[in-house]
Amino acid sequence: MKYMLMMHHGGEGTAPITTWPPADVKAHIDFMIRLNKDLTASGELVAAEGLAWPNQARLVRNRKGGGPPITDGPFPETKEFLAGFWIIDCESEARAIE
């Protein structure tokens, strides 16, 4: 069964990674590297991608009778955004959560 693990960056009041102390940035990146290695070693990693920064993201919706309305970012009201994702293929929901 395939699952998507989504990495969100929380909205208002959440400090952007560009302002984190270097040790925190390193710990975050080290975690992602370890996760990717572990998922690859277990044969469960299908894909993983980081996504554009919120100031580059656009939300495009479909509508009848005209061009699509385009707004800034995926969640302009909350300033929360999807920073990246992993797609994994594993035996159960419990394993995906693990």
N, C-alpha and C. Protein backbone atom coordinates (compact mmCIF):
# COMPACT_ATOMS: atom_id res chain seq x y z
N MET A 1 0.85 -1.16 0.00
CA MET A 1 0.00 0.00 0.00
C MET A 1 0.89 1.23 0.00
N LYS A 2 0.55 2.22 -0.79
CA LYS A 2 1.32 3.46 -0.84
C LYS A 2 0.72 4.51 0.08
N TYR A 3 1.61 5.27 0.71
CA TYR A 3 1.22 6.35 1.61
C TYR A 3 2.05 7.58 1.29
N MET A 4 1.49 8.75 1.53
CA MET A 4 2.23 9.99 1.38
C MET A 4 2.47 10.58 2.76
N LEU A 5 3.74 10.83 3.07
CA LEU A 5 4.11 11.50 4.31
C LEU A 5 4.36 12.96 3.93
N MET A 6 3.61 13.87 4.50
CA MET A 6 3.72 15.28 4.12
C MET A 6 4.41 16.08 5.21
N MET A 7 5.35 16.93 4.81
CA MET A 7 6.05 17.80 5.74
C MET A 7 5.49 19.20 5.56
N HIS A 8 4.74 19.64 6.57
CA HIS A 8 4.14 20.97 6.54
C HIS A 8 4.98 21.94 7.35
N HIS A 9 4.98 23.17 6.94
CA HIS A 9 5.57 24.24 7.74
C HIS A 9 4.39 25.01 8.30
N GLY A 10 4.31 25.11 9.63
CA GLY A 10 3.12 25.66 10.30
C GLY A 10 2.92 27.14 10.06
N GLY A 11 1.81 27.69 10.11
CA GLY A 11 1.47 29.06 9.74
C GLY A 11 2.00 30.16 10.62
N GLU A 12 1.15 31.08 10.96
CA GLU A 12 1.49 32.26 11.73
C GLU A 12 2.28 31.92 12.97
N GLY A 13 3.31 32.70 13.25
CA GLY A 13 4.08 32.52 14.47
C GLY A 13 5.15 31.45 14.38
N THR A 14 5.24 30.73 13.26
CA THR A 14 6.26 29.71 13.09
C THR A 14 7.44 30.34 12.38
N ALA A 15 8.60 30.24 12.98
CA ALA A 15 9.80 30.85 12.40
C ALA A 15 10.22 30.10 11.13
N PRO A 16 10.51 30.83 10.05
CA PRO A 16 11.00 30.17 8.85
C PRO A 16 12.37 29.55 9.09
N ILE A 17 12.67 28.49 8.38
CA ILE A 17 13.93 27.76 8.56
C ILE A 17 15.13 28.68 8.35
N THR A 18 14.98 29.70 7.54
CA THR A 18 16.08 30.62 7.28
C THR A 18 16.48 31.41 8.53
N THR A 19 15.64 31.38 9.57
CA THR A 19 15.96 32.09 10.81
C THR A 19 16.34 31.15 11.95
N TRP A 20 16.32 29.84 11.71
CA TRP A 20 16.66 28.86 12.75
C TRP A 20 18.14 28.93 13.07
N PRO A 21 18.50 28.59 14.29
CA PRO A 21 19.93 28.46 14.62
C PRO A 21 20.56 27.36 13.76
N PRO A 22 21.81 27.54 13.35
CA PRO A 22 22.46 26.55 12.48
C PRO A 22 22.38 25.11 13.01
N ALA A 23 22.48 24.93 14.31
CA ALA A 23 22.41 23.57 14.88
C ALA A 23 21.04 22.95 14.64
N ASP A 24 19.98 23.74 14.70
CA ASP A 24 18.63 23.23 14.45
C ASP A 24 18.43 22.87 12.98
N VAL A 25 18.96 23.70 12.08
CA VAL A 25 18.87 23.40 10.65
C VAL A 25 19.61 22.09 10.36
N LYS A 26 20.82 21.95 10.92
CA LYS A 26 21.60 20.73 10.72
C LYS A 26 20.86 19.50 11.24
N ALA A 27 20.27 19.61 12.44
CA ALA A 27 19.53 18.48 13.01
C ALA A 27 18.35 18.10 12.11
N HIS A 28 17.66 19.08 11.58
CA HIS A 28 16.51 18.84 10.69
C HIS A 28 16.97 18.12 9.41
N ILE A 29 18.02 18.62 8.80
CA ILE A 29 18.52 18.01 7.56
C ILE A 29 19.08 16.62 7.84
N ASP A 30 19.79 16.45 8.96
CA ASP A 30 20.30 15.13 9.32
C ASP A 30 19.16 14.13 9.49
N PHE A 31 18.06 14.56 10.09
CA PHE A 31 16.89 13.69 10.25
C PHE A 31 16.36 13.25 8.89
N MET A 32 16.23 14.20 7.97
CA MET A 32 15.69 13.86 6.64
C MET A 32 16.63 12.91 5.89
N ILE A 33 17.93 13.13 6.02
CA ILE A 33 18.90 12.23 5.36
C ILE A 33 18.79 10.82 5.94
N ARG A 34 18.71 10.73 7.27
CA ARG A 34 18.56 9.40 7.91
C ARG A 34 17.26 8.73 7.48
N LEU A 35 16.17 9.48 7.46
CA LEU A 35 14.88 8.92 7.04
C LEU A 35 14.97 8.39 5.62
N ASN A 36 15.54 9.18 4.71
CA ASN A 36 15.67 8.73 3.32
C ASN A 36 16.52 7.46 3.23
N LYS A 37 17.63 7.41 3.96
CA LYS A 37 18.49 6.22 3.93
C LYS A 37 17.76 5.00 4.49
N ASP A 38 17.04 5.19 5.61
CA ASP A 38 16.31 4.07 6.22
C ASP A 38 15.22 3.55 5.29
N LEU A 39 14.47 4.47 4.67
CA LEU A 39 13.39 4.06 3.77
C LEU A 39 13.94 3.40 2.51
N THR A 40 15.08 3.88 2.02
CA THR A 40 15.72 3.26 0.86
C THR A 40 16.21 1.86 1.22
N ALA A 41 16.88 1.72 2.36
CA ALA A 41 17.41 0.42 2.79
C ALA A 41 16.30 -0.61 2.98
N SER A 42 15.14 -0.16 3.45
CA SER A 42 14.03 -1.10 3.67
C SER A 42 13.25 -1.38 2.39
N GLY A 43 13.56 -0.66 1.32
CA GLY A 43 12.84 -0.83 0.05
C GLY A 43 11.49 -0.15 0.03
N GLU A 44 11.22 0.74 0.97
CA GLU A 44 9.90 1.37 1.08
C GLU A 44 9.82 2.74 0.41
N LEU A 45 10.95 3.36 0.09
CA LEU A 45 10.91 4.70 -0.51
C LEU A 45 10.54 4.62 -1.98
N VAL A 46 9.49 5.33 -2.35
CA VAL A 46 9.08 5.43 -3.76
C VAL A 46 9.58 6.74 -4.33
N ALA A 47 9.37 7.85 -3.61
CA ALA A 47 9.79 9.17 -4.07
C ALA A 47 9.84 10.12 -2.88
N ALA A 48 10.64 11.16 -3.01
CA ALA A 48 10.70 12.20 -2.00
C ALA A 48 11.10 13.50 -2.70
N GLU A 49 10.46 14.58 -2.33
CA GLU A 49 10.75 15.87 -2.96
C GLU A 49 10.53 16.99 -1.97
N GLY A 50 11.39 17.99 -2.04
CA GLY A 50 11.14 19.26 -1.39
C GLY A 50 10.41 20.14 -2.39
N LEU A 51 9.60 21.05 -1.92
CA LEU A 51 8.80 21.89 -2.80
C LEU A 51 9.25 23.35 -2.71
N ALA A 52 8.73 24.18 -3.59
CA ALA A 52 9.09 25.59 -3.65
C ALA A 52 8.73 26.33 -2.36
N TRP A 53 9.45 27.39 -2.09
CA TRP A 53 9.12 28.26 -0.95
C TRP A 53 7.75 28.88 -1.17
N PRO A 54 7.06 29.26 -0.10
CA PRO A 54 5.71 29.82 -0.23
C PRO A 54 5.64 31.04 -1.14
N ASN A 55 6.69 31.86 -1.16
CA ASN A 55 6.63 33.05 -2.02
C ASN A 55 6.71 32.70 -3.50
N GLN A 56 7.03 31.44 -3.82
CA GLN A 56 7.06 30.99 -5.21
C GLN A 56 5.83 30.14 -5.56
N ALA A 57 5.10 29.69 -4.55
CA ALA A 57 3.98 28.79 -4.77
C ALA A 57 2.74 29.56 -5.24
N ARG A 58 1.94 28.91 -6.04
CA ARG A 58 0.67 29.47 -6.51
C ARG A 58 -0.40 28.40 -6.43
N LEU A 59 -1.60 28.81 -6.12
CA LEU A 59 -2.74 27.90 -6.09
C LEU A 59 -3.58 28.22 -7.31
N VAL A 60 -3.77 27.23 -8.18
CA VAL A 60 -4.54 27.40 -9.41
C VAL A 60 -5.77 26.53 -9.31
N ARG A 61 -6.95 27.16 -9.41
CA ARG A 61 -8.21 26.41 -9.33
C ARG A 61 -8.90 26.42 -10.69
N ASN A 62 -9.67 25.38 -10.92
CA ASN A 62 -10.44 25.28 -12.15
C ASN A 62 -11.79 25.98 -11.96
N ARG A 63 -12.24 26.66 -12.99
CA ARG A 63 -13.59 27.24 -12.93
C ARG A 63 -14.17 27.28 -14.33
N LYS A 64 -15.48 27.19 -14.40
CA LYS A 64 -16.18 27.23 -15.69
C LYS A 64 -16.20 28.66 -16.24
N GLY A 65 -16.10 28.75 -17.56
CA GLY A 65 -16.32 30.02 -18.22
C GLY A 65 -15.18 31.02 -18.15
N GLY A 66 -14.00 30.61 -17.89
CA GLY A 66 -12.91 31.57 -17.87
C GLY A 66 -11.62 30.93 -17.43
N GLY A 67 -10.61 31.75 -17.40
CA GLY A 67 -9.29 31.28 -16.98
C GLY A 67 -9.28 30.95 -15.50
N PRO A 68 -8.32 30.17 -15.10
CA PRO A 68 -8.27 29.77 -13.69
C PRO A 68 -7.87 30.94 -12.79
N PRO A 69 -8.54 31.09 -11.64
CA PRO A 69 -8.09 32.09 -10.68
C PRO A 69 -6.79 31.61 -10.03
N ILE A 70 -5.85 32.49 -9.87
CA ILE A 70 -4.55 32.14 -9.30
C ILE A 70 -4.33 33.00 -8.08
N THR A 71 -3.98 32.36 -6.97
CA THR A 71 -3.69 33.09 -5.73
C THR A 71 -2.31 32.70 -5.24
N ASP A 72 -1.74 33.55 -4.41
CA ASP A 72 -0.43 33.28 -3.84
C ASP A 72 -0.50 32.09 -2.90
N GLY A 73 0.53 31.26 -2.98
CA GLY A 73 0.72 30.18 -2.02
C GLY A 73 -0.39 29.18 -1.95
N PRO A 74 -0.09 28.02 -1.38
CA PRO A 74 -1.10 26.98 -1.27
C PRO A 74 -2.12 27.27 -0.17
N PHE A 75 -1.75 27.99 0.86
CA PHE A 75 -2.67 28.30 1.96
C PHE A 75 -2.48 29.76 2.36
N PRO A 76 -2.92 30.72 1.52
CA PRO A 76 -2.62 32.12 1.78
C PRO A 76 -3.19 32.67 3.08
N GLU A 77 -4.30 32.12 3.56
CA GLU A 77 -4.92 32.65 4.77
C GLU A 77 -4.13 32.31 6.02
N THR A 78 -3.60 31.10 6.11
CA THR A 78 -2.91 30.66 7.32
C THR A 78 -1.40 30.76 7.22
N LYS A 79 -0.90 30.93 6.02
CA LYS A 79 0.54 30.96 5.75
C LYS A 79 1.20 29.62 6.03
N GLU A 80 0.40 28.56 6.17
CA GLU A 80 0.93 27.21 6.29
C GLU A 80 1.21 26.71 4.87
N PHE A 81 2.26 25.91 4.72
CA PHE A 81 2.51 25.38 3.38
C PHE A 81 3.12 23.99 3.45
N LEU A 82 2.98 23.27 2.35
CA LEU A 82 3.56 21.94 2.21
C LEU A 82 5.00 22.12 1.74
N ALA A 83 5.96 21.77 2.61
CA ALA A 83 7.37 21.99 2.31
C ALA A 83 7.97 20.84 1.51
N GLY A 84 7.39 19.65 1.64
CA GLY A 84 7.91 18.50 0.92
C GLY A 84 7.11 17.26 1.26
N PHE A 85 7.48 16.15 0.62
CA PHE A 85 6.74 14.91 0.86
C PHE A 85 7.61 13.70 0.57
N TRP A 86 7.18 12.59 1.12
CA TRP A 86 7.74 11.27 0.83
C TRP A 86 6.57 10.39 0.40
N ILE A 87 6.75 9.59 -0.62
CA ILE A 87 5.79 8.55 -0.95
C ILE A 87 6.48 7.23 -0.60
N ILE A 88 5.81 6.45 0.22
CA ILE A 88 6.37 5.17 0.65
C ILE A 88 5.42 4.06 0.27
N ASP A 89 5.96 2.89 0.12
CA ASP A 89 5.18 1.69 -0.16
C ASP A 89 5.51 0.69 0.94
N CYS A 90 4.57 0.47 1.84
CA CYS A 90 4.84 -0.40 2.97
C CYS A 90 3.63 -1.28 3.27
N GLU A 91 3.80 -2.20 4.19
CA GLU A 91 2.82 -3.26 4.41
C GLU A 91 1.54 -2.82 5.12
N SER A 92 1.60 -1.72 5.88
CA SER A 92 0.42 -1.36 6.66
C SER A 92 0.42 0.11 7.05
N GLU A 93 -0.75 0.57 7.44
CA GLU A 93 -0.87 1.94 7.96
C GLU A 93 -0.02 2.11 9.21
N ALA A 94 0.03 1.10 10.05
CA ALA A 94 0.84 1.17 11.26
C ALA A 94 2.31 1.39 10.93
N ARG A 95 2.80 0.71 9.89
CA ARG A 95 4.19 0.90 9.49
C ARG A 95 4.40 2.29 8.93
N ALA A 96 3.47 2.80 8.16
CA ALA A 96 3.58 4.16 7.60
C ALA A 96 3.65 5.19 8.72
N ILE A 97 2.86 5.02 9.74
CA ILE A 97 2.86 5.93 10.88
C ILE A 97 4.16 5.81 11.67
N GLU A 98 4.65 4.59 11.77
CA GLU A 98 5.93 4.35 12.48
C GLU A 98 7.05 5.16 11.84
